[in-house]
Amino acid sequence: MEDLFEANSWGDTWRDGIYSYVHYHSRIHEVLGIARGKGRVRFGGNKGRIFTLKAGDVAILPAGTGHQCLFAEEDFLVVGAYPPGPTTNARRSRIGRARRRALDPRRSI
């Protein structure tokens, strides 16, 4: 899968899973290729559509597309890559940030 992405000028490849919280890349597109296993992924933020992805599937995410893994088989493996250009600039959604602040044990009530 890495060879296919790199042949089409998508580089800075990685192999891992997909975060379990909504996140997005504000300045760069991302391609996700499922190398192994199966998982349920939501694209489009907290109210986005849920897809079951399996080995061989590829998703291309325009910059700013929120995504998160809702379920993954134990062997779920994703290959990701980015087009030439700015850094990945991963960010969490605003809802995630507010919830994280509310759950922070260091904050007084």
PDB file of N, CA and C in Angstrom:
ATOM      1  N   MET A   1       0.821  -1.186   0.000  1.00  0.00           N
ATOM      2  CA  MET A   1       0.000   0.000   0.000  1.00  0.00           C
ATOM      3  C   MET A   1       0.872   1.260   0.000  1.00  0.00           C
ATOM      4  N   GLU A   2       1.964   1.226   0.766  1.00  0.00           N
ATOM      5  CA  GLU A   2       2.867   2.376   0.784  1.00  0.00           C
ATOM      6  C   GLU A   2       3.391   2.688  -0.615  1.00  0.00           C
ATOM      7  N   ASP A   3       3.721   1.644  -1.379  1.00  0.00           N
ATOM      8  CA  ASP A   3       4.235   1.847  -2.739  1.00  0.00           C
ATOM      9  C   ASP A   3       3.199   2.549  -3.614  1.00  0.00           C
ATOM     10  N   LEU A   4       1.940   2.149  -3.489  1.00  0.00           N
ATOM     11  CA  LEU A   4       0.868   2.776  -4.262  1.00  0.00           C
ATOM     12  C   LEU A   4       0.734   4.252  -3.903  1.00  0.00           C
ATOM     13  N   PHE A   5       0.731   4.552  -2.613  1.00  0.00           N
ATOM     14  CA  PHE A   5       0.604   5.945  -2.183  1.00  0.00           C
ATOM     15  C   PHE A   5       1.789   6.771  -2.678  1.00  0.00           C
ATOM     16  N   GLU A   6       2.994   6.251  -2.480  1.00  0.00           N
ATOM     17  CA  GLU A   6       4.192   6.993  -2.877  1.00  0.00           C
ATOM     18  C   GLU A   6       4.285   7.162  -4.389  1.00  0.00           C
ATOM     19  N   ALA A   7       3.798   6.184  -5.159  1.00  0.00           N
ATOM     20  CA  ALA A   7       3.793   6.302  -6.620  1.00  0.00           C
ATOM     21  C   ALA A   7       2.886   7.435  -7.084  1.00  0.00           C
ATOM     22  N   ASN A   8       1.952   7.835  -6.220  1.00  0.00           N
ATOM     23  CA  ASN A   8       1.034   8.928  -6.539  1.00  0.00           C
ATOM     24  C   ASN A   8       1.358  10.197  -5.748  1.00  0.00           C
ATOM     25  N   SER A   9       2.613  10.304  -5.310  1.00  0.00           N
ATOM     26  CA  SER A   9       3.150  11.483  -4.614  1.00  0.00           C
ATOM     27  C   SER A   9       2.557  11.720  -3.229  1.00  0.00           C
ATOM     28  N   TRP A  10       2.006  10.685  -2.598  1.00  0.00           N
ATOM     29  CA  TRP A  10       1.566  10.784  -1.207  1.00  0.00           C
ATOM     30  C   TRP A  10       2.672  10.165  -0.371  1.00  0.00           C
ATOM     31  N   GLY A  11       3.275  10.950   0.517  1.00  0.00           N
ATOM     32  CA  GLY A  11       4.411  10.463   1.293  1.00  0.00           C
ATOM     33  C   GLY A  11       4.190  10.587   2.786  1.00  0.00           C
ATOM     34  N   ASP A  12       5.296  10.602   3.518  1.00  0.00           N
ATOM     35  CA  ASP A  12       5.270  10.672   4.983  1.00  0.00           C
ATOM     36  C   ASP A  12       4.343   9.589   5.536  1.00  0.00           C
ATOM     37  N   THR A  13       4.482   8.370   4.993  1.00  0.00           N
ATOM     38  CA  THR A  13       3.580   7.274   5.357  1.00  0.00           C
ATOM     39  C   THR A  13       3.806   6.790   6.784  1.00  0.00           C
ATOM     40  N   TRP A  14       2.769   6.225   7.349  1.00  0.00           N
ATOM     41  CA  TRP A  14       2.814   5.656   8.692  1.00  0.00           C
ATOM     42  C   TRP A  14       1.936   4.411   8.724  1.00  0.00           C
ATOM     43  N   ARG A  15       2.152   3.549   9.708  1.00  0.00           N
ATOM     44  CA  ARG A  15       1.349   2.337   9.943  1.00  0.00           C
ATOM     45  C   ARG A  15       0.931   2.329  11.400  1.00  0.00           C
ATOM     46  N   ASP A  16      -0.372   2.263  11.635  1.00  0.00           N
ATOM     47  CA  ASP A  16      -0.888   2.291  13.008  1.00  0.00           C
ATOM     48  C   ASP A  16      -2.391   2.073  12.942  1.00  0.00           C
ATOM     49  N   GLY A  17      -3.107   2.577  13.939  1.00  0.00           N
ATOM     50  CA  GLY A  17      -4.560   2.557  13.937  1.00  0.00           C
ATOM     51  C   GLY A  17      -5.071   3.965  13.685  1.00  0.00           C
ATOM     52  N   ILE A  18      -6.341   4.191  14.013  1.00  0.00           N
ATOM     53  CA  ILE A  18      -6.957   5.517  13.914  1.00  0.00           C
ATOM     54  C   ILE A  18      -7.373   5.898  15.328  1.00  0.00           C
ATOM     55  N   TYR A  19      -7.121   7.132  15.732  1.00  0.00           N
ATOM     56  CA  TYR A  19      -7.476   7.574  17.081  1.00  0.00           C
ATOM     57  C   TYR A  19      -8.942   7.295  17.391  1.00  0.00           C
ATOM     58  N   SER A  20      -9.231   7.029  18.662  1.00  0.00           N
ATOM     59  CA  SER A  20     -10.607   6.750  19.089  1.00  0.00           C
ATOM     60  C   SER A  20     -11.387   8.025  19.399  1.00  0.00           C
ATOM     61  N   TYR A  21     -10.781   9.173  19.233  1.00  0.00           N
ATOM     62  CA  TYR A  21     -11.469  10.449  19.423  1.00  0.00           C
ATOM     63  C   TYR A  21     -11.483  11.204  18.092  1.00  0.00           C
ATOM     64  N   VAL A  22     -12.429  12.110  17.944  1.00  0.00           N
ATOM     65  CA  VAL A  22     -12.527  12.891  16.708  1.00  0.00           C
ATOM     66  C   VAL A  22     -11.311  13.801  16.601  1.00  0.00           C
ATOM     67  N   HIS A  23     -10.648  13.730  15.471  1.00  0.00           N
ATOM     68  CA  HIS A  23      -9.530  14.622  15.185  1.00  0.00           C
ATOM     69  C   HIS A  23      -9.551  14.934  13.697  1.00  0.00           C
ATOM     70  N   TYR A  24      -8.799  15.954  13.305  1.00  0.00           N
ATOM     71  CA  TYR A  24      -8.750  16.358  11.903  1.00  0.00           C
ATOM     72  C   TYR A  24      -7.422  17.043  11.630  1.00  0.00           C
ATOM     73  N   HIS A  25      -7.134  17.210  10.360  1.00  0.00           N
ATOM     74  CA  HIS A  25      -5.920  17.895   9.923  1.00  0.00           C
ATOM     75  C   HIS A  25      -6.384  19.144   9.181  1.00  0.00           C
ATOM     76  N   SER A  26      -6.155  20.289   9.777  1.00  0.00           N
ATOM     77  CA  SER A  26      -6.758  21.523   9.264  1.00  0.00           C
ATOM     78  C   SER A  26      -6.144  22.029   7.967  1.00  0.00           C
ATOM     79  N   ARG A  27      -4.906  21.631   7.675  1.00  0.00           N
ATOM     80  CA  ARG A  27      -4.241  22.209   6.504  1.00  0.00           C
ATOM     81  C   ARG A  27      -3.786  21.199   5.465  1.00  0.00           C
ATOM     82  N   ILE A  28      -4.120  19.922   5.640  1.00  0.00           N
ATOM     83  CA  ILE A  28      -3.602  18.934   4.687  1.00  0.00           C
ATOM     84  C   ILE A  28      -4.586  17.772   4.542  1.00  0.00           C
ATOM     85  N   HIS A  29      -4.650  17.231   3.344  1.00  0.00           N
ATOM     86  CA  HIS A  29      -5.470  16.052   3.083  1.00  0.00           C
ATOM     87  C   HIS A  29      -4.764  14.828   3.670  1.00  0.00           C
ATOM     88  N   GLU A  30      -5.498  13.726   3.787  1.00  0.00           N
ATOM     89  CA  GLU A  30      -4.916  12.483   4.307  1.00  0.00           C
ATOM     90  C   GLU A  30      -5.537  11.313   3.567  1.00  0.00           C
ATOM     91  N   VAL A  31      -4.740  10.296   3.300  1.00  0.00           N
ATOM     92  CA  VAL A  31      -5.264   9.058   2.731  1.00  0.00           C
ATOM     93  C   VAL A  31      -5.064   7.955   3.769  1.00  0.00           C
ATOM     94  N   LEU A  32      -6.089   7.126   3.939  1.00  0.00           N
ATOM     95  CA  LEU A  32      -6.039   6.004   4.868  1.00  0.00           C
ATOM     96  C   LEU A  32      -6.306   4.728   4.084  1.00  0.00           C
ATOM     97  N   GLY A  33      -5.389   3.798   4.147  1.00  0.00           N
ATOM     98  CA  GLY A  33      -5.564   2.508   3.493  1.00  0.00           C
ATOM     99  C   GLY A  33      -5.598   1.420   4.551  1.00  0.00           C
ATOM    100  N   ILE A  34      -6.564   0.539   4.465  1.00  0.00           N
ATOM    101  CA  ILE A  34      -6.679  -0.528   5.456  1.00  0.00           C
ATOM    102  C   ILE A  34      -5.822  -1.700   4.988  1.00  0.00           C
ATOM    103  N   ALA A  35      -4.757  -1.968   5.735  1.00  0.00           N
ATOM    104  CA  ALA A  35      -3.812  -3.025   5.377  1.00  0.00           C
ATOM    105  C   ALA A  35      -4.242  -4.384   5.918  1.00  0.00           C
ATOM    106  N   ARG A  36      -4.937  -4.364   7.070  1.00  0.00           N
ATOM    107  CA  ARG A  36      -5.299  -5.638   7.699  1.00  0.00           C
ATOM    108  C   ARG A  36      -6.481  -5.412   8.640  1.00  0.00           C
ATOM    109  N   GLY A  37      -7.340  -6.408   8.750  1.00  0.00           N
ATOM    110  CA  GLY A  37      -8.434  -6.375   9.709  1.00  0.00           C
ATOM    111  C   GLY A  37      -9.630  -5.563   9.249  1.00  0.00           C
ATOM    112  N   LYS A  38     -10.479  -5.236  10.227  1.00  0.00           N
ATOM    113  CA  LYS A  38     -11.712  -4.512   9.961  1.00  0.00           C
ATOM    114  C   LYS A  38     -11.983  -3.558  11.114  1.00  0.00           C
ATOM    115  N   GLY A  39     -12.592  -2.406  10.803  1.00  0.00           N
ATOM    116  CA  GLY A  39     -12.941  -1.438  11.835  1.00  0.00           C
ATOM    117  C   GLY A  39     -14.103  -0.573  11.399  1.00  0.00           C
ATOM    118  N   ARG A  40     -14.751   0.048  12.379  1.00  0.00           N
ATOM    119  CA  ARG A  40     -15.823   1.009  12.099  1.00  0.00           C
ATOM    120  C   ARG A  40     -15.274   2.400  12.358  1.00  0.00           C
ATOM    121  N   VAL A  41     -15.369   3.254  11.342  1.00  0.00           N
ATOM    122  CA  VAL A  41     -14.782   4.589  11.399  1.00  0.00           C
ATOM    123  C   VAL A  41     -15.853   5.613  11.046  1.00  0.00           C
ATOM    124  N   ARG A  42     -15.896   6.697  11.835  1.00  0.00           N
ATOM    125  CA  ARG A  42     -16.820   7.789  11.533  1.00  0.00           C
ATOM    126  C   ARG A  42     -16.035   8.889  10.830  1.00  0.00           C
ATOM    127  N   PHE A  43     -16.564   9.330   9.690  1.00  0.00           N
ATOM    128  CA  PHE A  43     -15.983  10.433   8.931  1.00  0.00           C
ATOM    129  C   PHE A  43     -16.962  11.597   8.951  1.00  0.00           C
ATOM    130  N   GLY A  44     -16.456  12.803   9.215  1.00  0.00           N
ATOM    131  CA  GLY A  44     -17.309  13.982   9.200  1.00  0.00           C
ATOM    132  C   GLY A  44     -17.607  14.533  10.579  1.00  0.00           C
ATOM    133  N   GLY A  45     -16.836  14.147  11.580  1.00  0.00           N
ATOM    134  CA  GLY A  45     -17.039  14.675  12.927  1.00  0.00           C
ATOM    135  C   GLY A  45     -18.075  13.893  13.709  1.00  0.00           C
ATOM    136  N   ASN A  46     -18.526  14.479  14.818  1.00  0.00           N
ATOM    137  CA  ASN A  46     -19.428  13.785  15.740  1.00  0.00           C
ATOM    138  C   ASN A  46     -20.757  13.369  15.122  1.00  0.00           C
ATOM    139  N   LYS A  47     -21.205  14.060  14.100  1.00  0.00           N
ATOM    140  CA  LYS A  47     -22.474  13.719  13.454  1.00  0.00           C
ATOM    141  C   LYS A  47     -22.256  13.142  12.061  1.00  0.00           C
ATOM    142  N   GLY A  48     -21.044  12.691  11.791  1.00  0.00           N
ATOM    143  CA  GLY A  48     -20.709  12.172  10.473  1.00  0.00           C
ATOM    144  C   GLY A  48     -21.248  10.772  10.223  1.00  0.00           C
ATOM    145  N   ARG A  49     -20.904  10.239   9.064  1.00  0.00           N
ATOM    146  CA  ARG A  49     -21.349   8.899   8.666  1.00  0.00           C
ATOM    147  C   ARG A  49     -20.353   7.853   9.136  1.00  0.00           C
ATOM    148  N   ILE A  50     -20.878   6.686   9.479  1.00  0.00           N
ATOM    149  CA  ILE A  50     -20.066   5.577   9.964  1.00  0.00           C
ATOM    150  C   ILE A  50     -19.930   4.544   8.852  1.00  0.00           C
ATOM    151  N   PHE A  51     -18.690   4.112   8.634  1.00  0.00           N
ATOM    152  CA  PHE A  51     -18.400   3.111   7.614  1.00  0.00           C
ATOM    153  C   PHE A  51     -17.637   1.953   8.241  1.00  0.00           C
ATOM    154  N   THR A  52     -17.902   0.754   7.764  1.00  0.00           N
ATOM    155  CA  THR A  52     -17.089  -0.396   8.128  1.00  0.00           C
ATOM    156  C   THR A  52     -16.017  -0.522   7.059  1.00  0.00           C
ATOM    157  N   LEU A  53     -14.759  -0.427   7.472  1.00  0.00           N
ATOM    158  CA  LEU A  53     -13.630  -0.522   6.549  1.00  0.00           C
ATOM    159  C   LEU A  53     -12.922  -1.843   6.775  1.00  0.00           C
ATOM    160  N   LYS A  54     -12.482  -2.456   5.670  1.00  0.00           N
ATOM    161  CA  LYS A  54     -11.784  -3.742   5.756  1.00  0.00           C
ATOM    162  C   LYS A  54     -10.541  -3.700   4.886  1.00  0.00           C
ATOM    163  N   ALA A  55      -9.701  -4.705   5.034  1.00  0.00           N
ATOM    164  CA  ALA A  55      -8.449  -4.771   4.276  1.00  0.00           C
ATOM    165  C   ALA A  55      -8.707  -4.517   2.795  1.00  0.00           C
ATOM    166  N   GLY A  56      -7.916  -3.604   2.219  1.00  0.00           N
ATOM    167  CA  GLY A  56      -8.039  -3.246   0.812  1.00  0.00           C
ATOM    168  C   GLY A  56      -8.800  -1.954   0.573  1.00  0.00           C
ATOM    169  N   ASP A  57      -9.585  -1.494   1.555  1.00  0.00           N
ATOM    170  CA  ASP A  57     -10.329  -0.240   1.408  1.00  0.00           C
ATOM    171  C   ASP A  57      -9.390   0.954   1.550  1.00  0.00           C
ATOM    172  N   VAL A  58      -9.726   2.037   0.843  1.00  0.00           N
ATOM    173  CA  VAL A  58      -8.954   3.280   0.909  1.00  0.00           C
ATOM    174  C   VAL A  58      -9.929   4.436   1.068  1.00  0.00           C
ATOM    175  N   ALA A  59      -9.602   5.374   1.948  1.00  0.00           N
ATOM    176  CA  ALA A  59     -10.408   6.586   2.134  1.00  0.00           C
ATOM    177  C   ALA A  59      -9.496   7.796   1.965  1.00  0.00           C
ATOM    178  N   ILE A  60      -9.947   8.763   1.177  1.00  0.00           N
ATOM    179  CA  ILE A  60      -9.209  10.014   1.005  1.00  0.00           C
ATOM    180  C   ILE A  60      -9.994  11.101   1.722  1.00  0.00           C
ATOM    181  N   LEU A  61      -9.345  11.751   2.679  1.00  0.00           N
ATOM    182  CA  LEU A  61      -9.999  12.756   3.514  1.00  0.00           C
ATOM    183  C   LEU A  61      -9.512  14.150   3.149  1.00  0.00           C
ATOM    184  N   PRO A  62     -10.412  15.012   2.691  1.00  0.00           N
ATOM    185  CA  PRO A  62     -10.017  16.405   2.459  1.00  0.00           C
ATOM    186  C   PRO A  62      -9.615  17.062   3.782  1.00  0.00           C
ATOM    187  N   ALA A  63      -8.746  18.045   3.716  1.00  0.00           N
ATOM    188  CA  ALA A  63      -8.331  18.773   4.918  1.00  0.00           C
ATOM    189  C   ALA A  63      -9.560  19.217   5.700  1.00  0.00           C
ATOM    190  N   GLY A  64      -9.502  19.060   7.021  1.00  0.00           N
ATOM    191  CA  GLY A  64     -10.595  19.481   7.885  1.00  0.00           C
ATOM    192  C   GLY A  64     -11.645  18.423   8.155  1.00  0.00           C
ATOM    193  N   THR A  65     -11.511  17.236   7.573  1.00  0.00           N
ATOM    194  CA  THR A  65     -12.495  16.172   7.781  1.00  0.00           C
ATOM    195  C   THR A  65     -12.245  15.474   9.113  1.00  0.00           C
ATOM    196  N   GLY A  66     -13.176  15.617  10.049  1.00  0.00           N
ATOM    197  CA  GLY A  66     -13.060  14.930  11.331  1.00  0.00           C
ATOM    198  C   GLY A  66     -13.220  13.432  11.133  1.00  0.00           C
ATOM    199  N   HIS A  67     -12.437  12.650  11.866  1.00  0.00           N
ATOM    200  CA  HIS A  67     -12.546  11.196  11.770  1.00  0.00           C
ATOM    201  C   HIS A  67     -12.130  10.555  13.081  1.00  0.00           C
ATOM    202  N   GLN A  68     -12.712   9.374  13.346  1.00  0.00           N
ATOM    203  CA  GLN A  68     -12.387   8.636  14.560  1.00  0.00           C
ATOM    204  C   GLN A  68     -12.735   7.171  14.375  1.00  0.00           C
ATOM    205  N   CYS A  69     -12.012   6.319  15.072  1.00  0.00           N
ATOM    206  CA  CYS A  69     -12.278   4.887  15.053  1.00  0.00           C
ATOM    207  C   CYS A  69     -13.235   4.562  16.193  1.00  0.00           C
ATOM    208  N   LEU A  70     -14.351   3.931  15.869  1.00  0.00           N
ATOM    209  CA  LEU A  70     -15.341   3.553  16.875  1.00  0.00           C
ATOM    210  C   LEU A  70     -15.146   2.120  17.353  1.00  0.00           C
ATOM    211  N   PHE A  71     -14.623   1.274  16.481  1.00  0.00           N
ATOM    212  CA  PHE A  71     -14.357  -0.126  16.813  1.00  0.00           C
ATOM    213  C   PHE A  71     -13.280  -0.635  15.875  1.00  0.00           C
ATOM    214  N   ALA A  72     -12.387  -1.454  16.385  1.00  0.00           N
ATOM    215  CA  ALA A  72     -11.357  -2.058  15.538  1.00  0.00           C
ATOM    216  C   ALA A  72     -11.086  -3.477  16.010  1.00  0.00           C
ATOM    217  N   GLU A  73     -11.013  -4.392  15.046  1.00  0.00           N
ATOM    218  CA  GLU A  73     -10.562  -5.737  15.386  1.00  0.00           C
ATOM    219  C   GLU A  73      -9.130  -5.638  15.889  1.00  0.00           C
ATOM    220  N   GLU A  74      -8.704  -6.642  16.621  1.00  0.00           N
ATOM    221  CA  GLU A  74      -7.372  -6.611  17.225  1.00  0.00           C
ATOM    222  C   GLU A  74      -6.258  -6.436  16.197  1.00  0.00           C
ATOM    223  N   ASP A  75      -6.444  -6.982  14.988  1.00  0.00           N
ATOM    224  CA  ASP A  75      -5.387  -6.900  13.974  1.00  0.00           C
ATOM    225  C   ASP A  75      -5.567  -5.731  12.998  1.00  0.00           C
ATOM    226  N   PHE A  76      -6.468  -4.790  13.296  1.00  0.00           N
ATOM    227  CA  PHE A  76      -6.736  -3.643  12.423  1.00  0.00           C
ATOM    228  C   PHE A  76      -5.459  -2.829  12.229  1.00  0.00           C
ATOM    229  N   LEU A  77      -5.044  -2.672  10.975  1.00  0.00           N
ATOM    230  CA  LEU A  77      -3.828  -1.923  10.666  1.00  0.00           C
ATOM    231  C   LEU A  77      -4.112  -0.968   9.519  1.00  0.00           C
ATOM    232  N   VAL A  78      -3.776   0.291   9.734  1.00  0.00           N
ATOM    233  CA  VAL A  78      -4.022   1.351   8.759  1.00  0.00           C
ATOM    234  C   VAL A  78      -2.694   1.903   8.277  1.00  0.00           C
ATOM    235  N   VAL A  79      -2.613   2.161   6.974  1.00  0.00           N
ATOM    236  CA  VAL A  79      -1.470   2.865   6.396  1.00  0.00           C
ATOM    237  C   VAL A  79      -1.982   4.240   6.000  1.00  0.00           C
ATOM    238  N   GLY A  80      -1.341   5.271   6.507  1.00  0.00           N
ATOM    239  CA  GLY A  80      -1.745   6.634   6.188  1.00  0.00           C
ATOM    240  C   GLY A  80      -0.638   7.358   5.450  1.00  0.00           C
ATOM    241  N   ALA A  81      -1.020   8.399   4.709  1.00  0.00           N
ATOM    242  CA  ALA A  81      -0.034   9.201   3.980  1.00  0.00           C
ATOM    243  C   ALA A  81      -0.633  10.577   3.694  1.00  0.00           C
ATOM    244  N   TYR A  82       0.239  11.491   3.278  1.00  0.00           N
ATOM    245  CA  TYR A  82      -0.152  12.875   3.029  1.00  0.00           C
ATOM    246  C   TYR A  82       0.445  13.345   1.711  1.00  0.00           C
ATOM    247  N   PRO A  83      -0.233  14.275   1.031  1.00  0.00           N
ATOM    248  CA  PRO A  83       0.335  14.827  -0.199  1.00  0.00           C
ATOM    249  C   PRO A  83       1.478  15.782   0.142  1.00  0.00           C
ATOM    250  N   PRO A  84       2.281  16.141  -0.848  1.00  0.00           N
ATOM    251  CA  PRO A  84       3.342  17.115  -0.569  1.00  0.00           C
ATOM    252  C   PRO A  84       2.719  18.428  -0.092  1.00  0.00           C
ATOM    253  N   GLY A  85       3.372  19.098   0.831  1.00  0.00           N
ATOM    254  CA  GLY A  85       2.851  20.377   1.295  1.00  0.00           C
ATOM    255  C   GLY A  85       3.093  20.586   2.769  1.00  0.00           C
ATOM    256  N   PRO A  86       2.169  21.292   3.430  1.00  0.00           N
ATOM    257  CA  PRO A  86       2.355  21.642   4.845  1.00  0.00           C
ATOM    258  C   PRO A  86       2.316  20.424   5.756  1.00  0.00           C
ATOM    259  N   THR A  87       2.606  20.648   7.013  1.00  0.00           N
ATOM    260  CA  THR A  87       2.629  19.569   7.999  1.00  0.00           C
ATOM    261  C   THR A  87       1.232  19.013   8.234  1.00  0.00           C
ATOM    262  N   THR A  88       1.162  17.886   8.945  1.00  0.00           N
ATOM    263  CA  THR A  88      -0.121  17.225   9.187  1.00  0.00           C
ATOM    264  C   THR A  88      -1.039  18.022  10.098  1.00  0.00           C
ATOM    265  N   ASN A  89      -0.514  18.744  11.071  1.00  0.00           N
ATOM    266  CA  ASN A  89      -1.313  19.648  11.896  1.00  0.00           C
ATOM    267  C   ASN A  89      -2.563  18.989  12.472  1.00  0.00           C
ATOM    268  N   ALA A  90      -2.415  17.844  13.130  1.00  0.00           N
ATOM    269  CA  ALA A  90      -3.571  17.140  13.704  1.00  0.00           C
ATOM    270  C   ALA A  90      -4.171  17.945  14.847  1.00  0.00           C
ATOM    271  N   ARG A  91      -5.494  17.996  14.886  1.00  0.00           N
ATOM    272  CA  ARG A  91      -6.214  18.723  15.930  1.00  0.00           C
ATOM    273  C   ARG A  91      -7.406  17.905  16.379  1.00  0.00           C
ATOM    274  N   ARG A  92      -7.802  18.106  17.635  1.00  0.00           N
ATOM    275  CA  ARG A  92      -9.025  17.491  18.150  1.00  0.00           C
ATOM    276  C   ARG A  92     -10.191  18.421  17.868  1.00  0.00           C
ATOM    277  N   SER A  93     -11.389  17.852  17.843  1.00  0.00           N
ATOM    278  CA  SER A  93     -12.570  18.687  17.635  1.00  0.00           C
ATOM    279  C   SER A  93     -12.803  19.565  18.855  1.00  0.00           C
ATOM    280  N   ARG A  94     -13.559  20.653  18.690  1.00  0.00           N
ATOM    281  CA  ARG A  94     -13.861  21.549  19.809  1.00  0.00           C
ATOM    282  C   ARG A  94     -14.630  20.821  20.897  1.00  0.00           C
ATOM    283  N   ILE A  95     -15.540  19.958  20.517  1.00  0.00           N
ATOM    284  CA  ILE A  95     -16.303  19.207  21.513  1.00  0.00           C
ATOM    285  C   ILE A  95     -15.361  18.338  22.326  1.00  0.00           C
ATOM    286  N   GLY A  96     -14.409  17.705  21.676  1.00  0.00           N
ATOM    287  CA  GLY A  96     -13.439  16.881  22.384  1.00  0.00           C
ATOM    288  C   GLY A  96     -12.615  17.701  23.360  1.00  0.00           C
ATOM    289  N   ARG A  97     -12.220  18.899  22.967  1.00  0.00           N
ATOM    290  CA  ARG A  97     -11.416  19.763  23.821  1.00  0.00           C
ATOM    291  C   ARG A  97     -12.222  20.198  25.046  1.00  0.00           C
ATOM    292  N   ALA A  98     -13.482  20.591  24.849  1.00  0.00           N
ATOM    293  CA  ALA A  98     -14.326  21.022  25.965  1.00  0.00           C
ATOM    294  C   ALA A  98     -14.573  19.868  26.929  1.00  0.00           C
ATOM    295  N   ARG A  99     -14.837  18.709  26.381  1.00  0.00           N
ATOM    296  CA  ARG A  99     -15.071  17.545  27.237  1.00  0.00           C
ATOM    297  C   ARG A  99     -13.808  17.193  28.014  1.00  0.00           C
ATOM    298  N   ARG A 100     -12.663  17.261  27.342  1.00  0.00           N
ATOM    299  CA  ARG A 100     -11.396  16.962  28.000  1.00  0.00           C
ATOM    300  C   ARG A 100     -11.156  17.936  29.156  1.00  0.00           C
ATOM    301  N   ARG A 101     -11.453  19.222  28.945  1.00  0.00           N
ATOM    302  CA  ARG A 101     -11.287  20.222  30.009  1.00  0.00           C
ATOM    303  C   ARG A 101     -12.234  19.940  31.165  1.00  0.00           C
ATOM    304  N   ALA A 102     -13.480  19.559  30.858  1.00  0.00           N
ATOM    305  CA  ALA A 102     -14.463  19.295  31.905  1.00  0.00           C
ATOM    306  C   ALA A 102     -14.068  18.089  32.752  1.00  0.00           C
ATOM    307  N   LEU A 103     -13.386  17.130  32.148  1.00  0.00           N
ATOM    308  CA  LEU A 103     -12.996  15.918  32.862  1.00  0.00           C
ATOM    309  C   LEU A 103     -11.635  16.026  33.536  1.00  0.00           C
ATOM    310  N   ASP A 104     -10.957  17.140  33.354  1.00  0.00           N
ATOM    311  CA  ASP A 104      -9.624  17.324  33.919  1.00  0.00           C
ATOM    312  C   ASP A 104      -9.715  17.390  35.445  1.00  0.00           C
ATOM    313  N   PRO A 105      -9.098  16.438  36.163  1.00  0.00           N
ATOM    314  CA  PRO A 105      -9.194  16.416  37.624  1.00  0.00           C
ATOM    315  C   PRO A 105      -8.494  17.604  38.289  1.00  0.00           C
ATOM    316  N   ARG A 106      -7.664  18.326  37.564  1.00  0.00           N
ATOM    317  CA  ARG A 106      -6.963  19.479  38.138  1.00  0.00           C
ATOM    318  C   ARG A 106      -7.853  20.710  38.209  1.00  0.00           C
ATOM    319  N   ARG A 107      -8.978  20.698  37.487  1.00  0.00           N
ATOM    320  CA  ARG A 107      -9.887  21.850  37.496  1.00  0.00           C
ATOM    321  C   ARG A 107     -10.773  21.787  38.732  1.00  0.00           C
ATOM    322  N   SER A 108     -10.936  22.904  39.387  1.00  0.00           N
ATOM    323  CA  SER A 108     -11.819  22.939  40.565  1.00  0.00           C
ATOM    324  C   SER A 108     -13.253  23.171  40.120  1.00  0.00           C
ATOM    325  N   ILE A 109     -14.164  22.713  40.918  1.00  0.00           N
ATOM    326  CA  ILE A 109     -15.593  22.839  40.585  1.00  0.00           C
ATOM    327  C   ILE A 109     -16.163  24.062  41.259  1.00  0.00           C
TER     328      ILE A 109
END
